[in-house]
C-alpha atoms as a PDB file:
ATOM      1  CA  MET A   1     -17.506   3.957 -32.842  1.00  0.00           C
ATOM      2  CA  ALA A   2     -17.455   6.354 -29.900  1.00  0.00           C
ATOM      3  CA  LEU A   3     -19.931   6.149 -27.059  1.00  0.00           C
ATOM      4  CA  THR A   4     -20.939   9.239 -25.105  1.00  0.00           C
ATOM      5  CA  VAL A   5     -22.832   8.985 -21.829  1.00  0.00           C
ATOM      6  CA  ARG A   6     -24.335  11.971 -20.047  1.00  0.00           C
ATOM      7  CA  THR A   7     -25.977  12.069 -16.671  1.00  0.00           C
ATOM      8  CA  SER A   8     -28.067  14.759 -15.069  1.00  0.00           C
ATOM      9  CA  ALA A   9     -26.812  14.293 -11.498  1.00  0.00           C
ATOM     10  CA  ALA A  10     -23.316  14.172 -10.084  1.00  0.00           C
ATOM     11  CA  PRO A  11     -22.339  10.739  -8.743  1.00  0.00           C
ATOM     12  CA  ARG A  12     -22.358  10.354  -4.964  1.00  0.00           C
ATOM     13  CA  ILE A  13     -19.529   8.714  -3.123  1.00  0.00           C
ATOM     14  CA  ASN A  14     -20.072   7.628   0.453  1.00  0.00           C
ATOM     15  CA  THR A  15     -16.969   7.015   2.504  1.00  0.00           C
ATOM     16  CA  SER A  16     -15.761   7.362   6.040  1.00  0.00           C
ATOM     17  CA  VAL A  17     -12.429   7.953   7.690  1.00  0.00           C
ATOM     18  CA  LYS A  18     -11.519   6.232  10.903  1.00  0.00           C
ATOM     19  CA  LYS A  19      -8.555   7.101  13.097  1.00  0.00           C
ATOM     20  CA  VAL A  20      -6.720   4.053  14.363  1.00  0.00           C
ATOM     21  CA  ALA A  21      -4.258   4.377  17.234  1.00  0.00           C
ATOM     22  CA  LEU A  22      -1.176   2.258  16.567  1.00  0.00           C
ATOM     23  CA  ASP A  23       0.971   3.499  19.408  1.00  0.00           C
ATOM     24  CA  SER A  24       1.644   0.041  20.786  1.00  0.00           C
ATOM     25  CA  VAL A  25       1.753  -2.053  17.598  1.00  0.00           C
ATOM     26  CA  ASN A  26       5.057  -3.254  16.191  1.00  0.00           C
ATOM     27  CA  LEU A  27       5.574  -4.119  12.548  1.00  0.00           C
ATOM     28  CA  GLU A  28       6.325  -7.714  13.489  1.00  0.00           C
ATOM     29  CA  GLN A  29       2.872  -8.049  15.098  1.00  0.00           C
ATOM     30  CA  LEU A  30       0.967  -7.527  11.846  1.00  0.00           C
ATOM     31  CA  ASN A  31      -0.336 -10.768  10.309  1.00  0.00           C
ATOM     32  CA  ASN A  32       0.588 -10.153   6.689  1.00  0.00           C
ATOM     33  CA  ILE A  33       4.191  -9.015   7.177  1.00  0.00           C
ATOM     34  CA  ASP A  34       7.170 -11.373   7.086  1.00  0.00           C
ATOM     35  CA  SER A  35       9.834  -9.497   9.026  1.00  0.00           C
ATOM     36  CA  THR A  36      12.327 -12.386   9.059  1.00  0.00           C
ATOM     37  CA  ASN A  37      14.938 -10.490   7.022  1.00  0.00           C
ATOM     38  CA  LEU A  38      14.158  -7.039   8.429  1.00  0.00           C
ATOM     39  CA  SER A  39      17.267  -4.834   8.496  1.00  0.00           C
ATOM     40  CA  ASP A  40      18.267  -1.165   8.239  1.00  0.00           C
ATOM     41  CA  GLY A  41      17.548   0.240   4.778  1.00  0.00           C
ATOM     42  CA  TYR A  42      15.203  -2.586   3.738  1.00  0.00           C
ATOM     43  CA  THR A  43      11.835  -1.986   2.101  1.00  0.00           C
ATOM     44  CA  LEU A  44       8.571  -3.867   2.452  1.00  0.00           C
ATOM     45  CA  ILE A  45       7.673  -5.413  -0.903  1.00  0.00           C
ATOM     46  CA  TYR A  46       4.441  -7.312  -1.522  1.00  0.00           C
ATOM     47  CA  ASP A  47       4.879 -10.988  -2.448  1.00  0.00           C
ATOM     48  CA  ALA A  48       1.642 -12.098  -4.120  1.00  0.00           C
ATOM     49  CA  ALA A  49       2.607 -15.793  -4.006  1.00  0.00           C
ATOM     50  CA  ALA A  50       3.041 -15.640  -0.214  1.00  0.00           C
ATOM     51  CA  ASP A  51       0.198 -13.111   0.211  1.00  0.00           C
ATOM     52  CA  LYS A  52       2.469 -11.124   2.536  1.00  0.00           C
ATOM     53  CA  TRP A  53       4.713  -8.096   2.651  1.00  0.00           C
ATOM     54  CA  VAL A  54       8.364  -9.175   2.902  1.00  0.00           C
ATOM     55  CA  ALA A  55      11.412  -7.153   3.910  1.00  0.00           C
ATOM     56  CA  GLN A  56      13.962  -6.957   1.092  1.00  0.00           C
ATOM     57  CA  ALA A  57      16.977  -4.904   0.182  1.00  0.00           C
ATOM     58  CA  VAL A  58      16.268  -2.650  -2.780  1.00  0.00           C
ATOM     59  CA  THR A  59      19.236  -2.352  -5.104  1.00  0.00           C
ATOM     60  CA  GLY A  60      19.650  -0.448  -8.329  1.00  0.00           C
ATOM     61  CA  VAL A  61      16.848   1.999  -7.577  1.00  0.00           C
ATOM     62  CA  THR A  62      17.894   5.614  -8.001  1.00  0.00           C
ATOM     63  CA  ASN A  63      14.493   7.250  -8.377  1.00  0.00           C
ATOM     64  CA  ILE A  64      11.150   6.412  -6.780  1.00  0.00           C
ATOM     65  CA  ASP A  65       8.060   8.029  -8.281  1.00  0.00           C
ATOM     66  CA  GLY A  66       5.267   8.007  -5.719  1.00  0.00           C
ATOM     67  CA  GLY A  67       2.704   9.180  -8.252  1.00  0.00           C
ATOM     68  CA  THR A  68       0.475  12.216  -8.523  1.00  0.00           C
ATOM     69  CA  PHE A  69      -2.286  12.871  -6.027  1.00  0.00           C
END
C-alpha cells in the first residue's frame, strides 16, 4: 500500500550561520579530540566508544568519496 501526502505550503526551515574565529585555537585544545598519536599523514577518526576523535594512520585507502552536495 502506497501513501501519498500533499501539502499546500512549502515547509519553512529556520537556520542561522555564525562565523567563529579560530585563529588561536590548536587542535590539541579541543575537548573531544585525542591527539596522543598525532603524526604527519594521520586522519581524525571518530571513536564512538571513547566519544572522541582520535588520530590514526589510514592504510589501504585508495579512494575517498566525500559525497554529493
